[in-house]
Amino acid sequence: DGDVDTAPAADGSFAGAFRDAAYLSVGRFRCAVPGFWKIKKAL
């Protein structure tokens, strides 16, 4: 309250990393070929 900036104020790196980790983990479920993510992980 009292701040004028409506953008994230601090530690956006942690929030951003958490958001990306959640999104990318779910992306594994959407692989057309099951298990293909394991090859990308190995590489």
Full PDB file with SEQRES, HELIX, SHEET, SSBOND, CRYST1, ORIGX, SCALE, CONECT and MASTER records, all heavy atoms in Angstrom:
SEQRES   1 A   43  ASP GLY ASP VAL ASP THR ALA PRO ALA ALA ASP GLY SER          
SEQRES   2 A   43  PHE ALA GLY ALA PHE ARG ASP ALA ALA TYR LEU SER VAL          
SEQRES   3 A   43  GLY ARG PHE ARG CYS ALA VAL PRO GLY PHE TRP LYS ILE          
SEQRES   4 A   43  LYS LYS ALA LEU                                              
HELIX    1 AA1 GLY A   12  GLY A   27  1                                  16    
HELIX    2 AA2 ARG A   28  ARG A   30  5                                   3    
HELIX    3 AA3 PHE A   36  ALA A   42  1                                   7    
CRYST1    1.000    1.000    1.000  90.00  90.00  90.00 P 1           1          
ORIGX1      1.000000  0.000000  0.000000        0.00000                         
ORIGX2      0.000000  1.000000  0.000000        0.00000                         
ORIGX3      0.000000  0.000000  1.000000        0.00000                         
SCALE1      1.000000  0.000000  0.000000        0.00000                         
SCALE2      0.000000  1.000000  0.000000        0.00000                         
SCALE3      0.000000  0.000000  1.000000        0.00000                         
ATOM      1  N   ASP A   1       0.843  -1.193   0.000  1.00  0.00           N  
ATOM      2  CA  ASP A   1       0.000   0.000   0.000  1.00  0.00           C  
ATOM      3  C   ASP A   1       0.882   1.249   0.000  1.00  0.00           C  
ATOM      4  O   ASP A   1       1.811   1.369   0.794  1.00  0.00           O  
ATOM      5  CB  ASP A   1      -0.896   0.001   1.237  1.00  0.00           C  
ATOM      6  CG  ASP A   1      -1.986   1.054   1.141  1.00  0.00           C  
ATOM      7  OD1 ASP A   1      -2.102   1.686   0.080  1.00  0.00           O  
ATOM      8  OD2 ASP A   1      -2.715   1.226   2.138  1.00  0.00           O  
ATOM      9  N   GLY A   2       0.608   2.145  -0.919  1.00  0.00           N  
ATOM     10  CA  GLY A   2       1.407   3.363  -1.033  1.00  0.00           C  
ATOM     11  C   GLY A   2       2.386   3.333  -2.183  1.00  0.00           C  
ATOM     12  O   GLY A   2       2.801   4.380  -2.671  1.00  0.00           O  
ATOM     13  N   ASP A   3       2.771   2.119  -2.647  1.00  0.00           N  
ATOM     14  CA  ASP A   3       3.644   2.029  -3.811  1.00  0.00           C  
ATOM     15  C   ASP A   3       2.845   2.348  -5.073  1.00  0.00           C  
ATOM     16  O   ASP A   3       1.661   2.044  -5.162  1.00  0.00           O  
ATOM     17  CB  ASP A   3       4.232   0.619  -3.940  1.00  0.00           C  
ATOM     18  CG  ASP A   3       5.198   0.297  -2.804  1.00  0.00           C  
ATOM     19  OD1 ASP A   3       5.598   1.250  -2.110  1.00  0.00           O  
ATOM     20  OD2 ASP A   3       5.526  -0.875  -2.628  1.00  0.00           O  
ATOM     21  N   VAL A   4       3.499   2.928  -6.046  1.00  0.00           N  
ATOM     22  CA  VAL A   4       2.800   3.272  -7.290  1.00  0.00           C  
ATOM     23  C   VAL A   4       3.083   2.266  -8.391  1.00  0.00           C  
ATOM     24  O   VAL A   4       2.341   2.165  -9.361  1.00  0.00           O  
ATOM     25  CB  VAL A   4       3.191   4.687  -7.781  1.00  0.00           C  
ATOM     26  CG1 VAL A   4       2.726   5.715  -6.771  1.00  0.00           C  
ATOM     27  CG2 VAL A   4       4.706   4.806  -7.977  1.00  0.00           C  
ATOM     28  N   ASP A   5       4.153   1.516  -8.274  1.00  0.00           N  
ATOM     29  CA  ASP A   5       4.523   0.557  -9.305  1.00  0.00           C  
ATOM     30  C   ASP A   5       3.697  -0.708  -9.137  1.00  0.00           C  
ATOM     31  O   ASP A   5       3.676  -1.306  -8.068  1.00  0.00           O  
ATOM     32  CB  ASP A   5       6.020   0.233  -9.197  1.00  0.00           C  
ATOM     33  CG  ASP A   5       6.470  -0.746 -10.273  1.00  0.00           C  
ATOM     34  OD1 ASP A   5       5.746  -0.920 -11.265  1.00  0.00           O  
ATOM     35  OD2 ASP A   5       7.554  -1.322 -10.103  1.00  0.00           O  
ATOM     36  N   THR A   6       3.000  -1.128 -10.180  1.00  0.00           N  
ATOM     37  CA  THR A   6       2.197  -2.350 -10.106  1.00  0.00           C  
ATOM     38  C   THR A   6       2.946  -3.570 -10.622  1.00  0.00           C  
ATOM     39  O   THR A   6       2.378  -4.648 -10.732  1.00  0.00           O  
ATOM     40  CB  THR A   6       0.888  -2.185 -10.908  1.00  0.00           C  
ATOM     41  OG1 THR A   6       1.205  -1.896 -12.265  1.00  0.00           O  
ATOM     42  CG2 THR A   6       0.033  -1.082 -10.326  1.00  0.00           C  
ATOM     43  N   ALA A   7       4.227  -3.415 -10.965  1.00  0.00           N  
ATOM     44  CA  ALA A   7       5.029  -4.563 -11.378  1.00  0.00           C  
ATOM     45  C   ALA A   7       5.527  -5.288 -10.135  1.00  0.00           C  
ATOM     46  O   ALA A   7       5.561  -4.736  -9.045  1.00  0.00           O  
ATOM     47  CB  ALA A   7       6.225  -4.095 -12.216  1.00  0.00           C  
ATOM     48  N   PRO A   8       5.915  -6.560 -10.247  1.00  0.00           N  
ATOM     49  CA  PRO A   8       6.464  -7.268  -9.102  1.00  0.00           C  
ATOM     50  C   PRO A   8       7.592  -6.478  -8.456  1.00  0.00           C  
ATOM     51  O   PRO A   8       8.506  -6.005  -9.127  1.00  0.00           O  
ATOM     52  CB  PRO A   8       6.973  -8.589  -9.709  1.00  0.00           C  
ATOM     53  CG  PRO A   8       6.099  -8.797 -10.898  1.00  0.00           C  
ATOM     54  CD  PRO A   8       5.829  -7.415 -11.440  1.00  0.00           C  
ATOM     55  N   ALA A   9       7.553  -6.353  -7.134  1.00  0.00           N  
ATOM     56  CA  ALA A   9       8.453  -5.442  -6.446  1.00  0.00           C  
ATOM     57  C   ALA A   9       9.793  -6.048  -6.114  1.00  0.00           C  
ATOM     58  O   ALA A   9      10.783  -5.340  -6.016  1.00  0.00           O  
ATOM     59  CB  ALA A   9       7.778  -4.940  -5.162  1.00  0.00           C  
ATOM     60  N   ALA A  10       9.841  -7.350  -5.876  1.00  0.00           N  
ATOM     61  CA  ALA A  10      11.111  -7.932  -5.437  1.00  0.00           C  
ATOM     62  C   ALA A  10      11.123  -9.424  -5.694  1.00  0.00           C  
ATOM     63  O   ALA A  10      10.094 -10.080  -5.757  1.00  0.00           O  
ATOM     64  CB  ALA A  10      11.324  -7.664  -3.948  1.00  0.00           C  
ATOM     65  N   ASP A  11      12.343  -9.963  -5.811  1.00  0.00           N  
ATOM     66  CA  ASP A  11      12.550 -11.400  -5.941  1.00  0.00           C  
ATOM     67  C   ASP A  11      11.733 -12.022  -7.057  1.00  0.00           C  
ATOM     68  O   ASP A  11      11.193 -13.116  -6.935  1.00  0.00           O  
ATOM     69  CB  ASP A  11      12.225 -12.111  -4.618  1.00  0.00           C  
ATOM     70  CG  ASP A  11      13.315 -13.127  -4.288  1.00  0.00           C  
ATOM     71  OD1 ASP A  11      14.031 -13.528  -5.219  1.00  0.00           O  
ATOM     72  OD2 ASP A  11      13.459 -13.480  -3.123  1.00  0.00           O  
ATOM     73  N   GLY A  12      11.648 -11.302  -8.163  1.00  0.00           N  
ATOM     74  CA  GLY A  12      10.954 -11.854  -9.314  1.00  0.00           C  
ATOM     75  C   GLY A  12      11.653 -13.074  -9.873  1.00  0.00           C  
ATOM     76  O   GLY A  12      11.037 -13.892 -10.552  1.00  0.00           O  
ATOM     77  N   SER A  13      12.956 -13.213  -9.597  1.00  0.00           N  
ATOM     78  CA  SER A  13      13.700 -14.359 -10.115  1.00  0.00           C  
ATOM     79  C   SER A  13      13.165 -15.655  -9.525  1.00  0.00           C  
ATOM     80  O   SER A  13      13.006 -16.656 -10.243  1.00  0.00           O  
ATOM     81  CB  SER A  13      15.182 -14.209  -9.801  1.00  0.00           C  
ATOM     82  OG  SER A  13      15.394 -14.095  -8.396  1.00  0.00           O  
ATOM     83  N   PHE A  14      12.871 -15.661  -8.211  1.00  0.00           N  
ATOM     84  CA  PHE A  14      12.331 -16.862  -7.587  1.00  0.00           C  
ATOM     85  C   PHE A  14      10.937 -17.168  -8.124  1.00  0.00           C  
ATOM     86  O   PHE A  14      10.634 -18.294  -8.498  1.00  0.00           O  
ATOM     87  CB  PHE A  14      12.290 -16.693  -6.066  1.00  0.00           C  
ATOM     88  CG  PHE A  14      11.556 -17.800  -5.359  1.00  0.00           C  
ATOM     89  CD1 PHE A  14      11.960 -19.119  -5.493  1.00  0.00           C  
ATOM     90  CD2 PHE A  14      10.459 -17.524  -4.563  1.00  0.00           C  
ATOM     91  CE1 PHE A  14      11.281 -20.144  -4.849  1.00  0.00           C  
ATOM     92  CE2 PHE A  14       9.780 -18.539  -3.916  1.00  0.00           C  
ATOM     93  CZ  PHE A  14      10.188 -19.853  -4.053  1.00  0.00           C  
ATOM     94  N   ALA A  15      10.078 -16.156  -8.190  1.00  0.00           N  
ATOM     95  CA  ALA A  15       8.720 -16.348  -8.699  1.00  0.00           C  
ATOM     96  C   ALA A  15       8.750 -16.815 -10.151  1.00  0.00           C  
ATOM     97  O   ALA A  15       8.006 -17.716 -10.549  1.00  0.00           O  
ATOM     98  CB  ALA A  15       7.920 -15.060  -8.573  1.00  0.00           C  
ATOM     99  N   GLY A  16       9.621 -16.207 -10.954  1.00  0.00           N  
ATOM    100  CA  GLY A  16       9.726 -16.589 -12.357  1.00  0.00           C  
ATOM    101  C   GLY A  16      10.246 -18.007 -12.527  1.00  0.00           C  
ATOM    102  O   GLY A  16       9.755 -18.773 -13.364  1.00  0.00           O  
ATOM    103  N   ALA A  17      11.255 -18.374 -11.719  1.00  0.00           N  
ATOM    104  CA  ALA A  17      11.798 -19.729 -11.791  1.00  0.00           C  
ATOM    105  C   ALA A  17      10.751 -20.755 -11.390  1.00  0.00           C  
ATOM    106  O   ALA A  17      10.639 -21.820 -12.013  1.00  0.00           O  
ATOM    107  CB  ALA A  17      13.029 -19.845 -10.889  1.00  0.00           C  
ATOM    108  N   PHE A  18       9.977 -20.426 -10.367  1.00  0.00           N  
ATOM    109  CA  PHE A  18       8.935 -21.353  -9.918  1.00  0.00           C  
ATOM    110  C   PHE A  18       7.876 -21.538 -11.004  1.00  0.00           C  
ATOM    111  O   PHE A  18       7.462 -22.659 -11.306  1.00  0.00           O  
ATOM    112  CB  PHE A  18       8.289 -20.821  -8.635  1.00  0.00           C  
ATOM    113  CG  PHE A  18       7.520 -21.870  -7.886  1.00  0.00           C  
ATOM    114  CD1 PHE A  18       8.110 -22.554  -6.841  1.00  0.00           C  
ATOM    115  CD2 PHE A  18       6.222 -22.182  -8.230  1.00  0.00           C  
ATOM    116  CE1 PHE A  18       7.414 -23.540  -6.150  1.00  0.00           C  
ATOM    117  CE2 PHE A  18       5.518 -23.162  -7.556  1.00  0.00           C  
ATOM    118  CZ  PHE A  18       6.114 -23.840  -6.511  1.00  0.00           C  
ATOM    119  N   ARG A  19       7.461 -20.437 -11.609  1.00  0.00           N  
ATOM    120  CA  ARG A  19       6.463 -20.506 -12.678  1.00  0.00           C  
ATOM    121  C   ARG A  19       6.981 -21.340 -13.850  1.00  0.00           C  
ATOM    122  O   ARG A  19       6.276 -22.197 -14.386  1.00  0.00           O  
ATOM    123  CB  ARG A  19       6.116 -19.100 -13.146  1.00  0.00           C  
ATOM    124  CG  ARG A  19       5.081 -19.054 -14.275  1.00  0.00           C  
ATOM    125  CD  ARG A  19       4.856 -17.635 -14.762  1.00  0.00           C  
ATOM    126  NE  ARG A  19       6.076 -17.040 -15.293  1.00  0.00           N  
ATOM    127  CZ  ARG A  19       6.731 -16.044 -14.701  1.00  0.00           C  
ATOM    128  NH1 ARG A  19       6.303 -15.512 -13.587  1.00  0.00           N  
ATOM    129  NH2 ARG A  19       7.836 -15.550 -15.255  1.00  0.00           N  
ATOM    130  N   ASP A  20       8.237 -21.108 -14.254  1.00  0.00           N  
ATOM    131  CA  ASP A  20       8.794 -21.836 -15.394  1.00  0.00           C  
ATOM    132  C   ASP A  20       8.959 -23.323 -15.085  1.00  0.00           C  
ATOM    133  O   ASP A  20       8.682 -24.178 -15.949  1.00  0.00           O  
ATOM    134  CB  ASP A  20      10.152 -21.238 -15.789  1.00  0.00           C  
ATOM    135  CG  ASP A  20      10.012 -19.841 -16.366  1.00  0.00           C  
ATOM    136  OD1 ASP A  20       8.883 -19.456 -16.732  1.00  0.00           O  
ATOM    137  OD2 ASP A  20      11.024 -19.115 -16.433  1.00  0.00           O  
ATOM    138  N   ALA A  21       9.412 -23.644 -13.868  1.00  0.00           N  
ATOM    139  CA  ALA A  21       9.607 -25.050 -13.512  1.00  0.00           C  
ATOM    140  C   ALA A  21       8.284 -25.809 -13.535  1.00  0.00           C  
ATOM    141  O   ALA A  21       8.210 -26.950 -14.008  1.00  0.00           O  
ATOM    142  CB  ALA A  21      10.256 -25.161 -12.128  1.00  0.00           C  
ATOM    143  N   ALA A  22       7.227 -25.159 -13.043  1.00  0.00           N  
ATOM    144  CA  ALA A  22       5.910 -25.804 -13.056  1.00  0.00           C  
ATOM    145  C   ALA A  22       5.427 -26.014 -14.486  1.00  0.00           C  
ATOM    146  O   ALA A  22       4.953 -27.097 -14.855  1.00  0.00           O  
ATOM    147  CB  ALA A  22       4.912 -24.956 -12.267  1.00  0.00           C  
ATOM    148  N   TYR A  23       5.541 -24.983 -15.308  1.00  0.00           N  
ATOM    149  CA  TYR A  23       5.065 -25.061 -16.697  1.00  0.00           C  
ATOM    150  C   TYR A  23       5.844 -26.112 -17.491  1.00  0.00           C  
ATOM    151  O   TYR A  23       5.255 -26.915 -18.228  1.00  0.00           O  
ATOM    152  CB  TYR A  23       5.195 -23.697 -17.359  1.00  0.00           C  
ATOM    153  CG  TYR A  23       4.812 -23.692 -18.823  1.00  0.00           C  
ATOM    154  CD1 TYR A  23       3.477 -23.685 -19.210  1.00  0.00           C  
ATOM    155  CD2 TYR A  23       5.787 -23.706 -19.816  1.00  0.00           C  
ATOM    156  CE1 TYR A  23       3.118 -23.699 -20.555  1.00  0.00           C  
ATOM    157  CE2 TYR A  23       5.445 -23.711 -21.155  1.00  0.00           C  
ATOM    158  CZ  TYR A  23       4.112 -23.706 -21.517  1.00  0.00           C  
ATOM    159  OH  TYR A  23       3.764 -23.725 -22.844  1.00  0.00           O  
ATOM    160  N   LEU A  24       7.155 -26.126 -17.342  1.00  0.00           N  
ATOM    161  CA  LEU A  24       7.981 -27.052 -18.118  1.00  0.00           C  
ATOM    162  C   LEU A  24       7.797 -28.497 -17.658  1.00  0.00           C  
ATOM    163  O   LEU A  24       7.878 -29.434 -18.467  1.00  0.00           O  
ATOM    164  CB  LEU A  24       9.445 -26.638 -18.025  1.00  0.00           C  
ATOM    165  CG  LEU A  24       9.788 -25.300 -18.687  1.00  0.00           C  
ATOM    166  CD1 LEU A  24      11.180 -24.827 -18.280  1.00  0.00           C  
ATOM    167  CD2 LEU A  24       9.688 -25.401 -20.203  1.00  0.00           C  
ATOM    168  N   SER A  25       7.561 -28.692 -16.361  1.00  0.00           N  
ATOM    169  CA  SER A  25       7.311 -30.049 -15.862  1.00  0.00           C  
ATOM    170  C   SER A  25       6.035 -30.610 -16.465  1.00  0.00           C  
ATOM    171  O   SER A  25       5.985 -31.770 -16.883  1.00  0.00           O  
ATOM    172  CB  SER A  25       7.211 -30.039 -14.334  1.00  0.00           C  
ATOM    173  OG  SER A  25       8.438 -29.687 -13.734  1.00  0.00           O  
ATOM    174  N   VAL A  26       4.993 -29.800 -16.537  1.00  0.00           N  
ATOM    175  CA  VAL A  26       3.733 -30.244 -17.131  1.00  0.00           C  
ATOM    176  C   VAL A  26       3.897 -30.495 -18.625  1.00  0.00           C  
ATOM    177  O   VAL A  26       3.236 -31.364 -19.198  1.00  0.00           O  
ATOM    178  CB  VAL A  26       2.628 -29.201 -16.878  1.00  0.00           C  
ATOM    179  CG1 VAL A  26       1.349 -29.563 -17.625  1.00  0.00           C  
ATOM    180  CG2 VAL A  26       2.332 -29.111 -15.394  1.00  0.00           C  
ATOM    181  N   GLY A  27       4.803 -29.758 -19.261  1.00  0.00           N  
ATOM    182  CA  GLY A  27       5.046 -29.956 -20.682  1.00  0.00           C  
ATOM    183  C   GLY A  27       5.467 -31.371 -21.017  1.00  0.00           C  
ATOM    184  O   GLY A  27       5.231 -31.849 -22.139  1.00  0.00           O  
ATOM    185  N   ARG A  28       6.078 -32.068 -20.062  1.00  0.00           N  
ATOM    186  CA  ARG A  28       6.474 -33.455 -20.302  1.00  0.00           C  
ATOM    187  C   ARG A  28       5.268 -34.348 -20.569  1.00  0.00           C  
ATOM    188  O   ARG A  28       5.345 -35.314 -21.327  1.00  0.00           O  
ATOM    189  CB  ARG A  28       7.244 -33.992 -19.094  1.00  0.00           C  
ATOM    190  CG  ARG A  28       8.630 -33.378 -18.908  1.00  0.00           C  
ATOM    191  CD  ARG A  28       9.257 -33.876 -17.616  1.00  0.00           C  
ATOM    192  NE  ARG A  28      10.682 -33.552 -17.523  1.00  0.00           N  
ATOM    193  CZ  ARG A  28      11.454 -33.861 -16.485  1.00  0.00           C  
ATOM    194  NH1 ARG A  28      10.918 -34.508 -15.451  1.00  0.00           N  
ATOM    195  NH2 ARG A  28      12.736 -33.537 -16.478  1.00  0.00           N  
ATOM    196  N   PHE A  29       4.133 -34.046 -19.939  1.00  0.00           N  
ATOM    197  CA  PHE A  29       2.924 -34.849 -20.135  1.00  0.00           C  
ATOM    198  C   PHE A  29       2.383 -34.698 -21.550  1.00  0.00           C  
ATOM    199  O   PHE A  29       1.673 -35.566 -22.038  1.00  0.00           O  
ATOM    200  CB  PHE A  29       1.833 -34.424 -19.140  1.00  0.00           C  
ATOM    201  CG  PHE A  29       2.104 -34.824 -17.721  1.00  0.00           C  
ATOM    202  CD1 PHE A  29       2.856 -34.025 -16.886  1.00  0.00           C  
ATOM    203  CD2 PHE A  29       1.596 -36.007 -17.218  1.00  0.00           C  
ATOM    204  CE1 PHE A  29       3.097 -34.380 -15.576  1.00  0.00           C  
ATOM    205  CE2 PHE A  29       1.834 -36.382 -15.905  1.00  0.00           C  
ATOM    206  CZ  PHE A  29       2.591 -35.576 -15.075  1.00  0.00           C  
ATOM    207  N   ARG A  30       2.696 -33.564 -22.190  1.00  0.00           N  
ATOM    208  CA  ARG A  30       2.119 -33.283 -23.501  1.00  0.00           C  
ATOM    209  C   ARG A  30       2.962 -33.802 -24.658  1.00  0.00           C  
ATOM    210  O   ARG A  30       2.621 -33.583 -25.819  1.00  0.00           O  
ATOM    211  CB  ARG A  30       1.913 -31.772 -23.665  1.00  0.00           C  
ATOM    212  CG  ARG A  30       0.897 -31.191 -22.692  1.00  0.00           C  
ATOM    213  CD  ARG A  30       0.509 -29.772 -23.084  1.00  0.00           C  
ATOM    214  NE  ARG A  30       1.631 -28.855 -22.968  1.00  0.00           N  
ATOM    215  CZ  ARG A  30       1.869 -28.112 -21.888  1.00  0.00           C  
ATOM    216  NH1 ARG A  30       1.061 -28.191 -20.840  1.00  0.00           N  
ATOM    217  NH2 ARG A  30       2.906 -27.290 -21.844  1.00  0.00           N  
ATOM    218  N   CYS A  31       4.060 -34.469 -24.367  1.00  0.00           N  
ATOM    219  CA  CYS A  31       4.902 -35.000 -25.443  1.00  0.00           C  
ATOM    220  C   CYS A  31       4.104 -35.986 -26.304  1.00  0.00           C  
ATOM    221  O   CYS A  31       3.495 -36.932 -25.779  1.00  0.00           O  
ATOM    222  CB  CYS A  31       6.128 -35.712 -24.867  1.00  0.00           C  
ATOM    223  SG  CYS A  31       7.430 -34.599 -24.301  1.00  0.00           S  
ATOM    224  N   ALA A  32       4.111 -35.772 -27.607  1.00  0.00           N  
ATOM    225  CA  ALA A  32       3.399 -36.684 -28.508  1.00  0.00           C  
ATOM    226  C   ALA A  32       3.991 -38.088 -28.434  1.00  0.00           C  
ATOM    227  O   ALA A  32       3.274 -39.083 -28.550  1.00  0.00           O  
ATOM    228  CB  ALA A  32       3.455 -36.149 -29.942  1.00  0.00           C  
ATOM    229  N   VAL A  33       5.308 -38.170 -28.253  1.00  0.00           N  
ATOM    230  CA  VAL A  33       5.990 -39.458 -28.121  1.00  0.00           C  
ATOM    231  C   VAL A  33       6.386 -39.633 -26.661  1.00  0.00           C  
ATOM    232  O   VAL A  33       7.249 -38.907 -26.157  1.00  0.00           O  
ATOM    233  CB  VAL A  33       7.240 -39.525 -29.014  1.00  0.00           C  
ATOM    234  CG1 VAL A  33       7.926 -40.875 -28.848  1.00  0.00           C  
ATOM    235  CG2 VAL A  33       6.862 -39.292 -30.470  1.00  0.00           C  
ATOM    236  N   PRO A  34       5.749 -40.545 -25.918  1.00  0.00           N  
ATOM    237  CA  PRO A  34       6.077 -40.728 -24.505  1.00  0.00           C  
ATOM    238  C   PRO A  34       7.561 -41.017 -24.297  1.00  0.00           C  
ATOM    239  O   PRO A  34       8.161 -41.823 -25.004  1.00  0.00           O  
ATOM    240  CB  PRO A  34       5.216 -41.940 -24.099  1.00  0.00           C  
ATOM    241  CG  PRO A  34       4.099 -41.967 -25.086  1.00  0.00           C  
ATOM    242  CD  PRO A  34       4.688 -41.458 -26.375  1.00  0.00           C  
ATOM    243  N   GLY A  35       8.151 -40.337 -23.345  1.00  0.00           N  
ATOM    244  CA  GLY A  35       9.548 -40.577 -23.016  1.00  0.00           C  
ATOM    245  C   GLY A  35      10.550 -39.772 -23.821  1.00  0.00           C  
ATOM    246  O   GLY A  35      11.756 -39.834 -23.546  1.00  0.00           O  
ATOM    247  N   PHE A  36      10.073 -38.999 -24.814  1.00  0.00           N  
ATOM    248  CA  PHE A  36      11.021 -38.227 -25.627  1.00  0.00           C  
ATOM    249  C   PHE A  36      11.747 -37.178 -24.791  1.00  0.00           C  
ATOM    250  O   PHE A  36      12.887 -36.818 -25.083  1.00  0.00           O  
ATOM    251  CB  PHE A  36      10.295 -37.564 -26.800  1.00  0.00           C  
ATOM    252  CG  PHE A  36      11.209 -36.798 -27.716  1.00  0.00           C  
ATOM    253  CD1 PHE A  36      12.192 -37.457 -28.438  1.00  0.00           C  
ATOM    254  CD2 PHE A  36      11.095 -35.423 -27.850  1.00  0.00           C  
ATOM    255  CE1 PHE A  36      13.043 -36.761 -29.281  1.00  0.00           C  
ATOM    256  CE2 PHE A  36      11.952 -34.714 -28.689  1.00  0.00           C  
ATOM    257  CZ  PHE A  36      12.921 -35.385 -29.417  1.00  0.00           C  
ATOM    258  N   TRP A  37      11.094 -36.718 -23.716  1.00  0.00           N  
ATOM    259  CA  TRP A  37      11.730 -35.716 -22.857  1.00  0.00           C  
ATOM    260  C   TRP A  37      13.013 -36.257 -22.224  1.00  0.00           C  
ATOM    261  O   TRP A  37      13.929 -35.481 -21.898  1.00  0.00           O  
ATOM    262  CB  TRP A  37      10.751 -35.259 -21.768  1.00  0.00           C  
ATOM    263  CG  TRP A  37      10.319 -36.330 -20.804  1.00  0.00           C  
ATOM    264  CD1 TRP A  37       9.262 -37.165 -20.928  1.00  0.00           C  
ATOM    265  CD2 TRP A  37      10.949 -36.688 -19.568  1.00  0.00           C  
ATOM    266  NE1 TRP A  37       9.169 -38.024 -19.862  1.00  0.00           N  
ATOM    267  CE2 TRP A  37      10.203 -37.747 -19.004  1.00  0.00           C  
ATOM    268  CE3 TRP A  37      12.069 -36.227 -18.884  1.00  0.00           C  
ATOM    269  CZ2 TRP A  37      10.535 -38.343 -17.784  1.00  0.00           C  
ATOM    270  CZ3 TRP A  37      12.410 -36.817 -17.666  1.00  0.00           C  
ATOM    271  CH2 TRP A  37      11.647 -37.860 -17.135  1.00  0.00           C  
ATOM    272  N   LYS A  38      13.090 -37.585 -22.048  1.00  0.00           N  
ATOM    273  CA  LYS A  38      14.294 -38.168 -21.439  1.00  0.00           C  
ATOM    274  C   LYS A  38      15.513 -37.981 -22.347  1.00  0.00           C  
ATOM    275  O   LYS A  38      16.635 -37.793 -21.860  1.00  0.00           O  
ATOM    276  CB  LYS A  38      14.068 -39.652 -21.154  1.00  0.00           C  
ATOM    277  CG  LYS A  38      12.990 -39.921 -20.105  1.00  0.00           C  
ATOM    278  CD  LYS A  38      12.820 -41.403 -19.861  1.00  0.00           C  
ATOM    279  CE  LYS A  38      11.725 -41.669 -18.825  1.00  0.00           C  
ATOM    280  NZ  LYS A  38      11.532 -43.119 -18.578  1.00  0.00           N  
ATOM    281  N   ILE A  39      15.293 -38.042 -23.659  1.00  0.00           N  
ATOM    282  CA  ILE A  39      16.400 -37.815 -24.597  1.00  0.00           C  
ATOM    283  C   ILE A  39      16.861 -36.365 -24.505  1.00  0.00           C  
ATOM    284  O   ILE A  39      18.058 -36.072 -24.453  1.00  0.00           O  
ATOM    285  CB  ILE A  39      15.966 -38.176 -26.029  1.00  0.00           C  
ATOM    286  CG1 ILE A  39      15.623 -39.657 -26.124  1.00  0.00           C  
ATOM    287  CG2 ILE A  39      17.051 -37.796 -27.040  1.00  0.00           C  
ATOM    288  CD1 ILE A  39      15.080 -40.075 -27.471  1.00  0.00           C  
ATOM    289  N   LYS A  40      15.911 -35.434 -24.473  1.00  0.00           N  
ATOM    290  CA  LYS A  40      16.259 -34.021 -24.354  1.00  0.00           C  
ATOM    291  C   LYS A  40      16.965 -33.744 -23.035  1.00  0.00           C  
ATOM    292  O   LYS A  40      17.891 -32.930 -22.966  1.00  0.00           O  
ATOM    293  CB  LYS A  40      14.996 -33.166 -24.469  1.00  0.00           C  
ATOM    294  CG  LYS A  40      14.340 -33.232 -25.841  1.00  0.00           C  
ATOM    295  CD  LYS A  40      12.975 -32.591 -25.843  1.00  0.00           C  
ATOM    296  CE  LYS A  40      13.043 -31.093 -25.594  1.00  0.00           C  
ATOM    297  NZ  LYS A  40      11.696 -30.477 -25.644  1.00  0.00           N  
ATOM    298  N   LYS A  41      16.551 -34.436 -21.977  1.00  0.00           N  
ATOM    299  CA  LYS A  41      17.206 -34.255 -20.678  1.00  0.00           C  
ATOM    300  C   LYS A  41      18.643 -34.764 -20.728  1.00  0.00           C  
ATOM    301  O   LYS A  41      19.570 -34.110 -20.210  1.00  0.00           O  
ATOM    302  CB  LYS A  41      16.419 -34.985 -19.590  1.00  0.00           C  
ATOM    303  CG  LYS A  41      17.045 -34.858 -18.205  1.00  0.00           C  
ATOM    304  CD  LYS A  41      16.244 -35.615 -17.157  1.00  0.00           C  
ATOM    305  CE  LYS A  41      16.945 -35.530 -15.802  1.00  0.00           C  
ATOM    306  NZ  LYS A  41      16.204 -36.259 -14.742  1.00  0.00           N  
ATOM    307  N   ALA A  42      18.836 -35.931 -21.331  1.00  0.00           N  
ATOM    308  CA  ALA A  42      20.193 -36.489 -21.428  1.00  0.00           C  
ATOM    309  C   ALA A  42      21.113 -35.576 -22.232  1.00  0.00           C  
ATOM    310  O   ALA A  42      22.300 -35.442 -21.923  1.00  0.00           O  
ATOM    311  CB  ALA A  42      20.141 -37.882 -22.048  1.00  0.00           C  
ATOM    312  N   LEU A  43      20.542 -34.934 -23.267  1.00  0.00           N  
ATOM    313  CA  LEU A  43      21.341 -34.021 -24.099  1.00  0.00           C  
ATOM    314  C   LEU A  43      21.402 -32.607 -23.516  1.00  0.00           C  
ATOM    315  O   LEU A  43      22.157 -31.771 -24.020  1.00  0.00           O  
ATOM    316  CB  LEU A  43      20.744 -33.965 -25.511  1.00  0.00           C  
ATOM    317  CG  LEU A  43      20.762 -35.278 -26.298  1.00  0.00           C  
ATOM    318  CD1 LEU A  43      20.004 -35.111 -27.613  1.00  0.00           C  
ATOM    319  CD2 LEU A  43      22.196 -35.727 -26.563  1.00  0.00           C  
TER     320      LEU A  43                                                      
MASTER        0    0    0    3    0    0    0    6  319    1    0    4          
END                                                                             
